[in-house]
Amino acid sequence: MSKQKPEQSSKTNSAKYILIAVLIAVAGYFIYDNFIDKDKNDKYVFSTDPQERFKNIKEPQFKKEGELEFLSSDGNTVIKKIDVELAENDDERMQGLMYRKSMDEFRGMLFIFDSENDESFWMRNTIMSLDIIYVNAHREIVKIFKHTTPFSESSLPSGKPAQYVVEVNAGFTDKYGIKEGDKIRFEKLK
């Protein structure tokens, strides 16, 4: 039976402890990365099929609460008329068109604010792509964001003061030639 020198024995024990520490660190990283870091895992699920997150959420149904006309810049020619659901208070504006899977071509949502301000929208929890139309207090279109990206949390600012925002299906403004400088006119149903 051979005996190790005391210094060789302590070097061997140190190497074992270092190896065990490295294995624990690698195992800890693996567990954290795959099981504990929920935000990271949610991002992976989110990027593969964002609609999967909303499969158990009841889709809000459209309620016709008014009619809106898009007018030429001189205000004399009606370009297109749509039915609108209204978002007139903070709760309705916060909800917007979130969780809607589709919308008929001649429907939209009209957001009405108490006064004209710089506004900014995003597409969080919004499944369908939209055209977002900012309108000032004189009911003139000041900014249009076309074909917005579903689920995006990027800010889409009005750039100029707006008191109204109209959301329609993506491509609507191109299809009907609606542009900045055109106007809107709307009527609430009684």
N, C-alpha and C. Protein backbone atom coordinates (compact mmCIF):
# COMPACT_ATOMS: atom_id res chain seq x y z
N MET A 1 0.85 -1.17 0.00
CA MET A 1 0.00 0.00 0.00
C MET A 1 0.90 1.24 0.00
N SER A 2 0.61 2.15 -0.97
CA SER A 2 1.44 3.35 -1.04
C SER A 2 0.71 4.52 -0.42
N LYS A 3 1.44 5.39 0.16
CA LYS A 3 0.86 6.56 0.79
C LYS A 3 1.20 7.78 -0.03
N GLN A 4 0.24 8.72 -0.12
CA GLN A 4 0.51 9.98 -0.82
C GLN A 4 1.17 10.93 0.15
N LYS A 5 1.98 11.79 -0.43
CA LYS A 5 2.56 12.82 0.39
C LYS A 5 1.45 13.78 0.79
N PRO A 6 1.53 14.40 1.96
CA PRO A 6 0.48 15.30 2.42
C PRO A 6 0.18 16.42 1.44
N GLU A 7 1.17 17.01 0.79
CA GLU A 7 0.93 18.10 -0.16
C GLU A 7 0.22 17.61 -1.41
N GLN A 8 0.54 16.37 -1.86
CA GLN A 8 -0.12 15.80 -3.04
C GLN A 8 -1.58 15.50 -2.72
N SER A 9 -1.85 15.02 -1.51
CA SER A 9 -3.22 14.72 -1.08
C SER A 9 -4.07 15.99 -1.05
N SER A 10 -3.53 17.09 -0.56
CA SER A 10 -4.31 18.33 -0.50
C SER A 10 -4.55 18.89 -1.89
N LYS A 11 -3.61 18.71 -2.82
CA LYS A 11 -3.81 19.16 -4.22
C LYS A 11 -4.93 18.35 -4.86
N THR A 12 -4.95 17.04 -4.61
CA THR A 12 -5.99 16.17 -5.17
C THR A 12 -7.36 16.56 -4.61
N ASN A 13 -7.42 16.81 -3.30
CA ASN A 13 -8.69 17.22 -2.67
C ASN A 13 -9.14 18.57 -3.22
N SER A 14 -8.23 19.52 -3.42
CA SER A 14 -8.58 20.83 -3.98
C SER A 14 -9.14 20.68 -5.38
N ALA A 15 -8.54 19.84 -6.18
CA ALA A 15 -9.01 19.62 -7.55
C ALA A 15 -10.42 19.02 -7.53
N LYS A 16 -10.67 18.10 -6.60
CA LYS A 16 -12.00 17.50 -6.49
C LYS A 16 -13.05 18.56 -6.13
N TYR A 17 -12.69 19.42 -5.16
CA TYR A 17 -13.63 20.46 -4.74
C TYR A 17 -13.90 21.47 -5.87
N ILE A 18 -12.88 21.78 -6.61
CA ILE A 18 -13.05 22.71 -7.75
C ILE A 18 -13.96 22.07 -8.79
N LEU A 19 -13.71 20.80 -9.09
CA LEU A 19 -14.54 20.09 -10.07
C LEU A 19 -16.00 20.02 -9.60
N ILE A 20 -16.22 19.73 -8.34
CA ILE A 20 -17.58 19.68 -7.79
C ILE A 20 -18.24 21.06 -7.88
N ALA A 21 -17.49 22.12 -7.55
CA ALA A 21 -18.03 23.49 -7.62
C ALA A 21 -18.42 23.86 -9.05
N VAL A 22 -17.58 23.48 -10.02
CA VAL A 22 -17.88 23.77 -11.43
C VAL A 22 -19.14 23.01 -11.85
N LEU A 23 -19.27 21.76 -11.47
CA LEU A 23 -20.46 20.98 -11.83
C LEU A 23 -21.72 21.57 -11.21
N ILE A 24 -21.63 22.01 -9.97
CA ILE A 24 -22.78 22.64 -9.32
C ILE A 24 -23.16 23.93 -10.04
N ALA A 25 -22.15 24.73 -10.41
CA ALA A 25 -22.42 25.99 -11.12
C ALA A 25 -23.10 25.73 -12.47
N VAL A 26 -22.61 24.73 -13.21
CA VAL A 26 -23.20 24.40 -14.52
C VAL A 26 -24.64 23.90 -14.33
N ALA A 27 -24.85 23.04 -13.35
CA ALA A 27 -26.20 22.52 -13.09
C ALA A 27 -27.13 23.66 -12.67
N GLY A 28 -26.64 24.54 -11.82
CA GLY A 28 -27.45 25.68 -11.38
C GLY A 28 -27.84 26.58 -12.54
N TYR A 29 -26.90 26.85 -13.43
CA TYR A 29 -27.19 27.68 -14.62
C TYR A 29 -28.26 27.00 -15.48
N PHE A 30 -28.10 25.69 -15.70
CA PHE A 30 -29.05 24.95 -16.53
C PHE A 30 -30.45 25.02 -15.92
N ILE A 31 -30.56 24.80 -14.62
CA ILE A 31 -31.86 24.84 -13.95
C ILE A 31 -32.46 26.24 -14.04
N TYR A 32 -31.67 27.26 -13.77
CA TYR A 32 -32.17 28.64 -13.83
C TYR A 32 -32.61 29.00 -15.25
N ASP A 33 -31.77 28.66 -16.21
CA ASP A 33 -32.03 29.04 -17.61
C ASP A 33 -33.27 28.36 -18.16
N ASN A 34 -33.54 27.15 -17.75
CA ASN A 34 -34.65 26.40 -18.34
C ASN A 34 -35.91 26.32 -17.49
N PHE A 35 -35.80 26.55 -16.19
CA PHE A 35 -36.97 26.36 -15.35
C PHE A 35 -37.33 27.57 -14.50
N ILE A 36 -36.37 28.36 -14.10
CA ILE A 36 -36.65 29.45 -13.18
C ILE A 36 -36.84 30.77 -13.89
N ASP A 37 -36.09 31.06 -14.94
CA ASP A 37 -36.19 32.34 -15.64
C ASP A 37 -37.44 32.35 -16.50
N LYS A 38 -38.60 32.59 -15.88
CA LYS A 38 -39.89 32.51 -16.56
C LYS A 38 -40.02 33.53 -17.69
N ASP A 39 -39.48 34.76 -17.49
CA ASP A 39 -39.57 35.77 -18.54
C ASP A 39 -38.93 35.28 -19.82
N LYS A 40 -37.78 34.63 -19.69
CA LYS A 40 -37.10 34.13 -20.88
C LYS A 40 -37.93 33.03 -21.54
N ASN A 41 -38.47 32.12 -20.73
CA ASN A 41 -39.29 31.05 -21.30
C ASN A 41 -40.54 31.61 -21.95
N ASP A 42 -41.17 32.63 -21.33
CA ASP A 42 -42.35 33.25 -21.93
C ASP A 42 -42.01 33.86 -23.28
N LYS A 43 -40.84 34.45 -23.40
CA LYS A 43 -40.44 35.05 -24.67
C LYS A 43 -40.35 34.00 -25.75
N TYR A 44 -39.80 32.83 -25.39
CA TYR A 44 -39.70 31.78 -26.39
C TYR A 44 -41.08 31.31 -26.83
N VAL A 45 -41.99 31.11 -25.87
CA VAL A 45 -43.35 30.69 -26.21
C VAL A 45 -44.03 31.79 -27.02
N PHE A 46 -43.85 33.03 -26.59
CA PHE A 46 -44.47 34.18 -27.24
C PHE A 46 -44.02 34.30 -28.69
N SER A 47 -42.73 34.08 -28.96
CA SER A 47 -42.23 34.28 -30.31
C SER A 47 -42.62 33.14 -31.25
N THR A 48 -42.92 31.95 -30.71
CA THR A 48 -43.28 30.87 -31.60
C THR A 48 -44.75 30.91 -31.99
N ASP A 49 -45.63 31.27 -31.07
CA ASP A 49 -47.05 31.37 -31.39
C ASP A 49 -47.73 32.31 -30.40
N PRO A 50 -47.68 33.63 -30.67
CA PRO A 50 -48.26 34.59 -29.73
C PRO A 50 -49.74 34.36 -29.46
N GLN A 51 -50.47 33.86 -30.44
CA GLN A 51 -51.91 33.67 -30.25
C GLN A 51 -52.20 32.57 -29.22
N GLU A 52 -51.23 31.70 -28.98
CA GLU A 52 -51.40 30.63 -28.01
C GLU A 52 -51.72 31.20 -26.63
N ARG A 53 -51.17 32.39 -26.32
CA ARG A 53 -51.40 33.02 -25.02
C ARG A 53 -52.86 33.43 -24.83
N PHE A 54 -53.60 33.59 -25.92
CA PHE A 54 -54.96 34.13 -25.83
C PHE A 54 -56.03 33.11 -26.17
N LYS A 55 -55.67 31.85 -26.31
CA LYS A 55 -56.66 30.87 -26.74
C LYS A 55 -57.80 30.68 -25.74
N ASN A 56 -57.58 30.96 -24.46
CA ASN A 56 -58.63 30.79 -23.45
C ASN A 56 -59.30 32.10 -23.06
N ILE A 57 -58.94 33.19 -23.75
CA ILE A 57 -59.55 34.48 -23.46
C ILE A 57 -60.72 34.70 -24.40
N LYS A 58 -61.86 35.06 -23.85
CA LYS A 58 -63.04 35.29 -24.68
C LYS A 58 -62.85 36.55 -25.51
N GLU A 59 -63.04 36.42 -26.80
CA GLU A 59 -62.86 37.55 -27.72
C GLU A 59 -64.00 38.55 -27.55
N PRO A 60 -63.67 39.83 -27.31
CA PRO A 60 -64.73 40.85 -27.21
C PRO A 60 -65.48 40.96 -28.54
N GLN A 61 -66.78 41.18 -28.47
CA GLN A 61 -67.59 41.31 -29.67
C GLN A 61 -67.78 42.78 -30.03
N PHE A 62 -67.83 43.06 -31.32
CA PHE A 62 -68.01 44.42 -31.82
C PHE A 62 -69.40 44.93 -31.42
N LYS A 63 -69.43 46.19 -30.95
CA LYS A 63 -70.71 46.85 -30.64
C LYS A 63 -70.77 48.13 -31.47
N LYS A 64 -71.70 48.19 -32.38
CA LYS A 64 -71.84 49.41 -33.18
C LYS A 64 -72.40 50.51 -32.29
N GLU A 65 -71.57 51.58 -32.11
CA GLU A 65 -71.98 52.69 -31.26
C GLU A 65 -71.97 54.01 -32.02
N GLY A 66 -71.62 53.93 -33.30
CA GLY A 66 -71.60 55.13 -34.10
C GLY A 66 -71.20 54.84 -35.54
N GLU A 67 -71.21 55.89 -36.35
CA GLU A 67 -70.78 55.79 -37.74
C GLU A 67 -69.75 56.88 -37.98
N LEU A 68 -68.75 56.57 -38.80
CA LEU A 68 -67.67 57.51 -39.08
C LEU A 68 -67.44 57.56 -40.58
N GLU A 69 -67.25 58.77 -41.08
CA GLU A 69 -66.93 58.96 -42.49
C GLU A 69 -65.53 59.54 -42.61
N PHE A 70 -64.78 59.00 -43.55
CA PHE A 70 -63.50 59.59 -43.93
C PHE A 70 -63.80 60.54 -45.08
N LEU A 71 -63.32 61.77 -44.96
CA LEU A 71 -63.61 62.81 -45.96
C LEU A 71 -62.32 63.28 -46.61
N SER A 72 -62.44 63.80 -47.83
CA SER A 72 -61.29 64.40 -48.51
C SER A 72 -60.81 65.60 -47.71
N SER A 73 -59.62 66.10 -48.01
CA SER A 73 -59.03 67.20 -47.24
C SER A 73 -59.87 68.47 -47.26
N ASP A 74 -60.68 68.66 -48.32
CA ASP A 74 -61.55 69.84 -48.35
C ASP A 74 -62.84 69.62 -47.55
N GLY A 75 -63.05 68.39 -47.10
CA GLY A 75 -64.22 68.07 -46.28
C GLY A 75 -65.50 67.88 -47.05
N ASN A 76 -65.43 67.91 -48.39
CA ASN A 76 -66.65 67.84 -49.21
C ASN A 76 -66.97 66.47 -49.77
N THR A 77 -65.96 65.61 -49.89
CA THR A 77 -66.17 64.31 -50.53
C THR A 77 -66.01 63.19 -49.52
N VAL A 78 -67.02 62.32 -49.44
CA VAL A 78 -66.93 61.15 -48.56
C VAL A 78 -66.10 60.09 -49.27
N ILE A 79 -65.01 59.67 -48.61
CA ILE A 79 -64.14 58.63 -49.18
C ILE A 79 -64.70 57.25 -48.83
N LYS A 80 -65.01 57.04 -47.56
CA LYS A 80 -65.53 55.75 -47.10
C LYS A 80 -66.22 55.95 -45.76
N LYS A 81 -67.26 55.15 -45.52
CA LYS A 81 -68.02 55.21 -44.27
C LYS A 81 -67.87 53.87 -43.56
N ILE A 82 -67.68 53.92 -42.23
CA ILE A 82 -67.56 52.69 -41.45
C ILE A 82 -68.41 52.79 -40.18
N ASP A 83 -68.73 51.63 -39.61
CA ASP A 83 -69.35 51.55 -38.29
C ASP A 83 -68.23 51.56 -37.26
N VAL A 84 -68.46 52.22 -36.13
CA VAL A 84 -67.42 52.27 -35.11
C VAL A 84 -67.94 51.90 -33.73
N GLU A 85 -67.06 51.30 -32.98
CA GLU A 85 -67.24 51.11 -31.55
C GLU A 85 -66.48 52.26 -30.91
N LEU A 86 -67.01 52.80 -29.83
CA LEU A 86 -66.40 53.97 -29.20
C LEU A 86 -65.59 53.59 -27.96
N ALA A 87 -64.47 54.28 -27.80
CA ALA A 87 -63.65 54.17 -26.58
C ALA A 87 -63.57 55.58 -26.02
N GLU A 88 -64.43 55.87 -25.02
CA GLU A 88 -64.57 57.23 -24.52
C GLU A 88 -64.04 57.44 -23.11
N ASN A 89 -63.73 56.37 -22.39
CA ASN A 89 -63.18 56.53 -21.05
C ASN A 89 -61.88 55.74 -20.94
N ASP A 90 -61.19 55.90 -19.83
CA ASP A 90 -59.87 55.27 -19.67
C ASP A 90 -59.93 53.75 -19.81
N ASP A 91 -60.93 53.12 -19.22
CA ASP A 91 -61.04 51.65 -19.31
C ASP A 91 -61.24 51.20 -20.75
N GLU A 92 -62.15 51.86 -21.46
CA GLU A 92 -62.41 51.49 -22.86
C GLU A 92 -61.19 51.77 -23.74
N ARG A 93 -60.52 52.88 -23.48
CA ARG A 93 -59.31 53.21 -24.27
C ARG A 93 -58.19 52.22 -23.98
N MET A 94 -58.08 51.80 -22.73
CA MET A 94 -57.04 50.84 -22.36
C MET A 94 -57.29 49.49 -23.04
N GLN A 95 -58.55 49.08 -23.11
CA GLN A 95 -58.92 47.81 -23.73
C GLN A 95 -58.74 47.86 -25.25
N GLY A 96 -59.22 48.93 -25.87
CA GLY A 96 -59.09 49.08 -27.32
C GLY A 96 -59.53 47.84 -28.07
N LEU A 97 -58.73 47.43 -29.03
CA LEU A 97 -59.04 46.24 -29.83
C LEU A 97 -58.22 45.02 -29.39
N MET A 98 -57.72 45.06 -28.16
CA MET A 98 -56.96 43.91 -27.66
C MET A 98 -57.84 42.65 -27.68
N TYR A 99 -57.18 41.54 -27.96
CA TYR A 99 -57.77 40.20 -27.95
C TYR A 99 -58.76 39.95 -29.08
N ARG A 100 -58.92 40.89 -30.00
CA ARG A 100 -59.80 40.65 -31.15
C ARG A 100 -59.00 39.89 -32.21
N LYS A 101 -59.61 38.86 -32.74
CA LYS A 101 -58.92 38.05 -33.74
C LYS A 101 -59.17 38.56 -35.15
N SER A 102 -60.29 39.25 -35.34
CA SER A 102 -60.60 39.79 -36.67
C SER A 102 -61.64 40.89 -36.51
N MET A 103 -61.82 41.62 -37.61
CA MET A 103 -62.81 42.69 -37.63
C MET A 103 -63.27 42.85 -39.07
N ASP A 104 -64.56 43.04 -39.27
CA ASP A 104 -65.08 43.26 -40.62
C ASP A 104 -64.41 44.48 -41.24
N GLU A 105 -64.32 44.49 -42.55
CA GLU A 105 -63.61 45.55 -43.27
C GLU A 105 -64.16 46.94 -42.98
N PHE A 106 -65.47 47.08 -42.86
CA PHE A 106 -66.07 48.40 -42.68
C PHE A 106 -66.45 48.67 -41.23
N ARG A 107 -65.59 48.19 -40.33
CA ARG A 107 -65.74 48.46 -38.90
C ARG A 107 -64.42 48.99 -38.37
N GLY A 108 -64.51 49.70 -37.25
CA GLY A 108 -63.31 50.20 -36.61
C GLY A 108 -63.62 50.64 -35.20
N MET A 109 -62.62 51.21 -34.56
CA MET A 109 -62.80 51.74 -33.22
C MET A 109 -62.39 53.20 -33.24
N LEU A 110 -63.21 54.03 -32.61
CA LEU A 110 -62.93 55.46 -32.49
C LEU A 110 -62.64 55.76 -31.02
N PHE A 111 -61.42 56.22 -30.76
CA PHE A 111 -61.01 56.64 -29.43
C PHE A 111 -61.26 58.14 -29.34
N ILE A 112 -61.99 58.55 -28.31
CA ILE A 112 -62.31 59.96 -28.12
C ILE A 112 -61.69 60.42 -26.80
N PHE A 113 -60.81 61.42 -26.89
CA PHE A 113 -60.17 61.99 -25.70
C PHE A 113 -60.85 63.32 -25.36
N ASP A 114 -60.74 63.72 -24.09
CA ASP A 114 -61.38 64.95 -23.63
C ASP A 114 -60.77 66.20 -24.27
N SER A 115 -59.48 66.15 -24.56
CA SER A 115 -58.81 67.30 -25.16
C SER A 115 -57.71 66.82 -26.10
N GLU A 116 -57.18 67.76 -26.84
CA GLU A 116 -56.13 67.47 -27.82
C GLU A 116 -54.77 67.42 -27.12
N ASN A 117 -54.04 66.32 -27.29
CA ASN A 117 -52.72 66.13 -26.69
C ASN A 117 -51.87 65.26 -27.60
N ASP A 118 -50.57 65.20 -27.31
CA ASP A 118 -49.73 64.20 -27.98
C ASP A 118 -50.16 62.85 -27.44
N GLU A 119 -50.50 61.95 -28.31
CA GLU A 119 -50.95 60.62 -27.92
C GLU A 119 -49.96 59.58 -28.43
N SER A 120 -50.01 58.41 -27.85
CA SER A 120 -49.15 57.31 -28.29
C SER A 120 -49.87 56.00 -28.01
N PHE A 121 -49.91 55.14 -29.00
CA PHE A 121 -50.54 53.83 -28.87
C PHE A 121 -49.47 52.76 -29.05
N TRP A 122 -49.83 51.53 -28.71
CA TRP A 122 -48.98 50.37 -28.96
C TRP A 122 -49.88 49.20 -29.32
N MET A 123 -49.28 48.08 -29.65
CA MET A 123 -50.05 46.91 -30.11
C MET A 123 -50.03 45.76 -29.10
N ARG A 124 -49.74 46.07 -27.86
CA ARG A 124 -49.68 45.02 -26.84
C ARG A 124 -51.01 44.27 -26.79
N ASN A 125 -50.94 42.96 -26.81
CA ASN A 125 -52.11 42.07 -26.75
C ASN A 125 -53.09 42.28 -27.90
N THR A 126 -52.64 42.89 -28.97
CA THR A 126 -53.48 43.09 -30.15
C THR A 126 -53.06 42.07 -31.20
N ILE A 127 -53.98 41.19 -31.53
CA ILE A 127 -53.69 40.03 -32.37
C ILE A 127 -53.61 40.40 -33.85
N MET A 128 -54.45 41.33 -34.29
CA MET A 128 -54.51 41.65 -35.73
C MET A 128 -53.75 42.94 -36.03
N SER A 129 -53.20 43.01 -37.21
CA SER A 129 -52.51 44.21 -37.66
C SER A 129 -53.55 45.30 -37.97
N LEU A 130 -53.20 46.53 -37.65
CA LEU A 130 -54.12 47.65 -37.81
C LEU A 130 -53.47 48.81 -38.55
N ASP A 131 -54.30 49.71 -39.05
CA ASP A 131 -53.87 51.05 -39.42
C ASP A 131 -54.36 51.93 -38.28
N ILE A 132 -53.47 52.71 -37.69
CA ILE A 132 -53.82 53.60 -36.57
C ILE A 132 -53.75 55.03 -37.09
N ILE A 133 -54.87 55.74 -36.96
CA ILE A 133 -55.04 57.07 -37.55
C ILE A 133 -55.25 58.09 -36.44
N TYR A 134 -54.31 59.03 -36.32
CA TYR A 134 -54.43 60.11 -35.33
C TYR A 134 -55.10 61.32 -35.97
N VAL A 135 -56.04 61.91 -35.23
CA VAL A 135 -56.86 63.00 -35.75
C VAL A 135 -56.88 64.14 -34.72
N ASN A 136 -56.66 65.37 -35.19
CA ASN A 136 -56.63 66.51 -34.26
C ASN A 136 -58.04 67.00 -33.90
N ALA A 137 -58.11 68.05 -33.10
CA ALA A 137 -59.40 68.58 -32.63
C ALA A 137 -60.26 69.12 -33.78
N HIS A 138 -59.63 69.49 -34.89
CA HIS A 138 -60.37 69.98 -36.07
C HIS A 138 -60.80 68.82 -36.97
N ARG A 139 -60.57 67.60 -36.46
CA ARG A 139 -60.94 66.35 -37.14
C ARG A 139 -60.16 66.13 -38.44
N GLU A 140 -58.94 66.62 -38.45
CA GLU A 140 -58.03 66.42 -39.57
C GLU A 140 -57.01 65.34 -39.20
N ILE A 141 -56.77 64.43 -40.13
CA ILE A 141 -55.82 63.35 -39.89
C ILE A 141 -54.40 63.93 -39.88
N VAL A 142 -53.69 63.70 -38.76
CA VAL A 142 -52.34 64.25 -38.62
C VAL A 142 -51.25 63.19 -38.73
N LYS A 143 -51.59 61.90 -38.54
CA LYS A 143 -50.59 60.83 -38.62
C LYS A 143 -51.29 59.51 -38.84
N ILE A 144 -50.69 58.66 -39.70
CA ILE A 144 -51.21 57.32 -39.92
C ILE A 144 -50.06 56.32 -39.77
N PHE A 145 -50.26 55.33 -38.93
CA PHE A 145 -49.34 54.19 -38.85
C PHE A 145 -50.03 53.05 -39.58
N LYS A 146 -49.40 52.57 -40.65
CA LYS A 146 -50.00 51.52 -41.47
C LYS A 146 -49.40 50.16 -41.13
N HIS A 147 -50.23 49.15 -41.23
CA HIS A 147 -49.80 47.76 -41.04
C HIS A 147 -48.97 47.59 -39.77
N THR A 148 -49.54 47.97 -38.64
CA THR A 148 -48.84 47.85 -37.37
C THR A 148 -48.54 46.38 -37.05
N THR A 149 -47.53 46.17 -36.25
CA THR A 149 -47.08 44.83 -35.91
C THR A 149 -47.84 44.29 -34.70
N PRO A 150 -48.59 43.19 -34.89
CA PRO A 150 -49.32 42.61 -33.75
C PRO A 150 -48.38 42.32 -32.58
N PHE A 151 -48.87 42.53 -31.38
CA PHE A 151 -48.20 42.24 -30.11
C PHE A 151 -47.02 43.17 -29.80
N SER A 152 -46.69 44.09 -30.68
CA SER A 152 -45.54 44.96 -30.46
C SER A 152 -45.80 45.93 -29.30
N GLU A 153 -44.79 46.15 -28.50
CA GLU A 153 -44.89 47.12 -27.42
C GLU A 153 -44.16 48.41 -27.78
N SER A 154 -43.79 48.55 -29.04
CA SER A 154 -43.15 49.78 -29.49
C SER A 154 -44.17 50.91 -29.52
N SER A 155 -43.73 52.08 -29.12
CA SER A 155 -44.60 53.24 -29.09
C SER A 155 -44.86 53.76 -30.51
N LEU A 156 -46.11 54.11 -30.77
CA LEU A 156 -46.51 54.69 -32.05
C LEU A 156 -47.09 56.08 -31.77
N PRO A 157 -46.23 57.09 -31.68
CA PRO A 157 -46.67 58.43 -31.26
C PRO A 157 -47.35 59.22 -32.37
N SER A 158 -48.26 60.09 -31.95
CA SER A 158 -49.01 60.91 -32.91
C SER A 158 -48.11 61.96 -33.58
N GLY A 159 -47.08 62.40 -32.90
CA GLY A 159 -46.18 63.39 -33.49
C GLY A 159 -46.73 64.81 -33.44
N LYS A 160 -48.04 64.93 -33.42
CA LYS A 160 -48.75 66.21 -33.31
C LYS A 160 -49.92 65.99 -32.37
N PRO A 161 -50.46 67.04 -31.79
CA PRO A 161 -51.61 66.86 -30.90
C PRO A 161 -52.79 66.18 -31.62
N ALA A 162 -53.43 65.26 -30.90
CA ALA A 162 -54.58 64.53 -31.43
C ALA A 162 -55.65 64.42 -30.34
N GLN A 163 -56.90 64.47 -30.76
CA GLN A 163 -58.01 64.29 -29.83
C GLN A 163 -58.77 63.01 -30.14
N TYR A 164 -58.58 62.48 -31.32
CA TYR A 164 -59.26 61.26 -31.76
C TYR A 164 -58.24 60.30 -32.36
N VAL A 165 -58.53 59.03 -32.23
CA VAL A 165 -57.72 58.00 -32.89
C VAL A 165 -58.70 56.99 -33.48
N VAL A 166 -58.48 56.64 -34.73
CA VAL A 166 -59.32 55.64 -35.40
C VAL A 166 -58.45 54.43 -35.70
N GLU A 167 -58.93 53.25 -35.32
CA GLU A 167 -58.23 52.01 -35.67
C GLU A 167 -59.10 51.22 -36.63
N VAL A 168 -58.49 50.82 -37.75
CA VAL A 168 -59.15 50.02 -38.78
C VAL A 168 -58.21 48.88 -39.15
N ASN A 169 -58.71 47.94 -39.92
CA ASN A 169 -57.87 46.83 -40.38
C ASN A 169 -56.67 47.34 -41.16
N ALA A 170 -55.55 46.64 -41.02
CA ALA A 170 -54.34 46.99 -41.76
C ALA A 170 -54.64 47.00 -43.26
N GLY A 171 -54.16 48.02 -43.95
CA GLY A 171 -54.34 48.13 -45.39
C GLY A 171 -55.54 48.96 -45.80
N PHE A 172 -56.41 49.27 -44.84
CA PHE A 172 -57.64 50.02 -45.13
C PHE A 172 -57.30 51.39 -45.73
N THR A 173 -56.35 52.10 -45.12
CA THR A 173 -56.04 53.46 -45.60
C THR A 173 -55.43 53.44 -47.00
N ASP A 174 -54.61 52.46 -47.30
CA ASP A 174 -54.07 52.35 -48.66
C ASP A 174 -55.16 51.98 -49.65
N LYS A 175 -55.99 51.02 -49.29
CA LYS A 175 -57.04 50.54 -50.19
C LYS A 175 -58.00 51.67 -50.61
N TYR A 176 -58.31 52.57 -49.67
CA TYR A 176 -59.28 53.62 -49.97
C TYR A 176 -58.65 55.00 -50.13
N GLY A 177 -57.33 55.07 -50.17
CA GLY A 177 -56.64 56.32 -50.43
C GLY A 177 -56.78 57.35 -49.33
N ILE A 178 -56.91 56.91 -48.10
CA ILE A 178 -57.02 57.83 -46.97
C ILE A 178 -55.62 58.25 -46.56
N LYS A 179 -55.42 59.57 -46.41
CA LYS A 179 -54.07 60.08 -46.14
C LYS A 179 -54.10 61.20 -45.12
N GLU A 180 -52.91 61.57 -44.65
CA GLU A 180 -52.79 62.70 -43.74
C GLU A 180 -53.30 63.95 -44.44
N GLY A 181 -54.04 64.77 -43.71
CA GLY A 181 -54.68 65.95 -44.29
C GLY A 181 -56.15 65.72 -44.58
N ASP A 182 -56.55 64.45 -44.78
CA ASP A 182 -57.98 64.14 -44.94
C ASP A 182 -58.65 64.35 -43.59
N LYS A 183 -59.98 64.27 -43.58
CA LYS A 183 -60.74 64.56 -42.37
C LYS A 183 -61.66 63.41 -42.01
N ILE A 184 -62.22 63.50 -40.81
CA ILE A 184 -63.25 62.54 -40.39
C ILE A 184 -64.47 63.31 -39.91
N ARG A 185 -65.60 62.62 -39.96
CA ARG A 185 -66.85 63.13 -39.39
C ARG A 185 -67.52 61.90 -38.77
N PHE A 186 -68.05 62.05 -37.57
CA PHE A 186 -68.70 60.90 -36.94
C PHE A 186 -69.95 61.31 -36.22
N GLU A 187 -70.79 60.31 -36.01
CA GLU A 187 -72.04 60.51 -35.28
C GLU A 187 -72.22 59.33 -34.34
N LYS A 188 -72.51 59.62 -33.08
CA LYS A 188 -72.80 58.57 -32.10
C LYS A 188 -74.24 58.14 -32.25
N LEU A 189 -74.48 56.85 -32.08
CA LEU A 189 -75.85 56.34 -32.09
C LEU A 189 -76.51 56.69 -30.77
N LYS A 190 -77.81 56.89 -30.83
CA LYS A 190 -78.55 57.24 -29.61
C LYS A 190 -79.01 56.03 -28.88
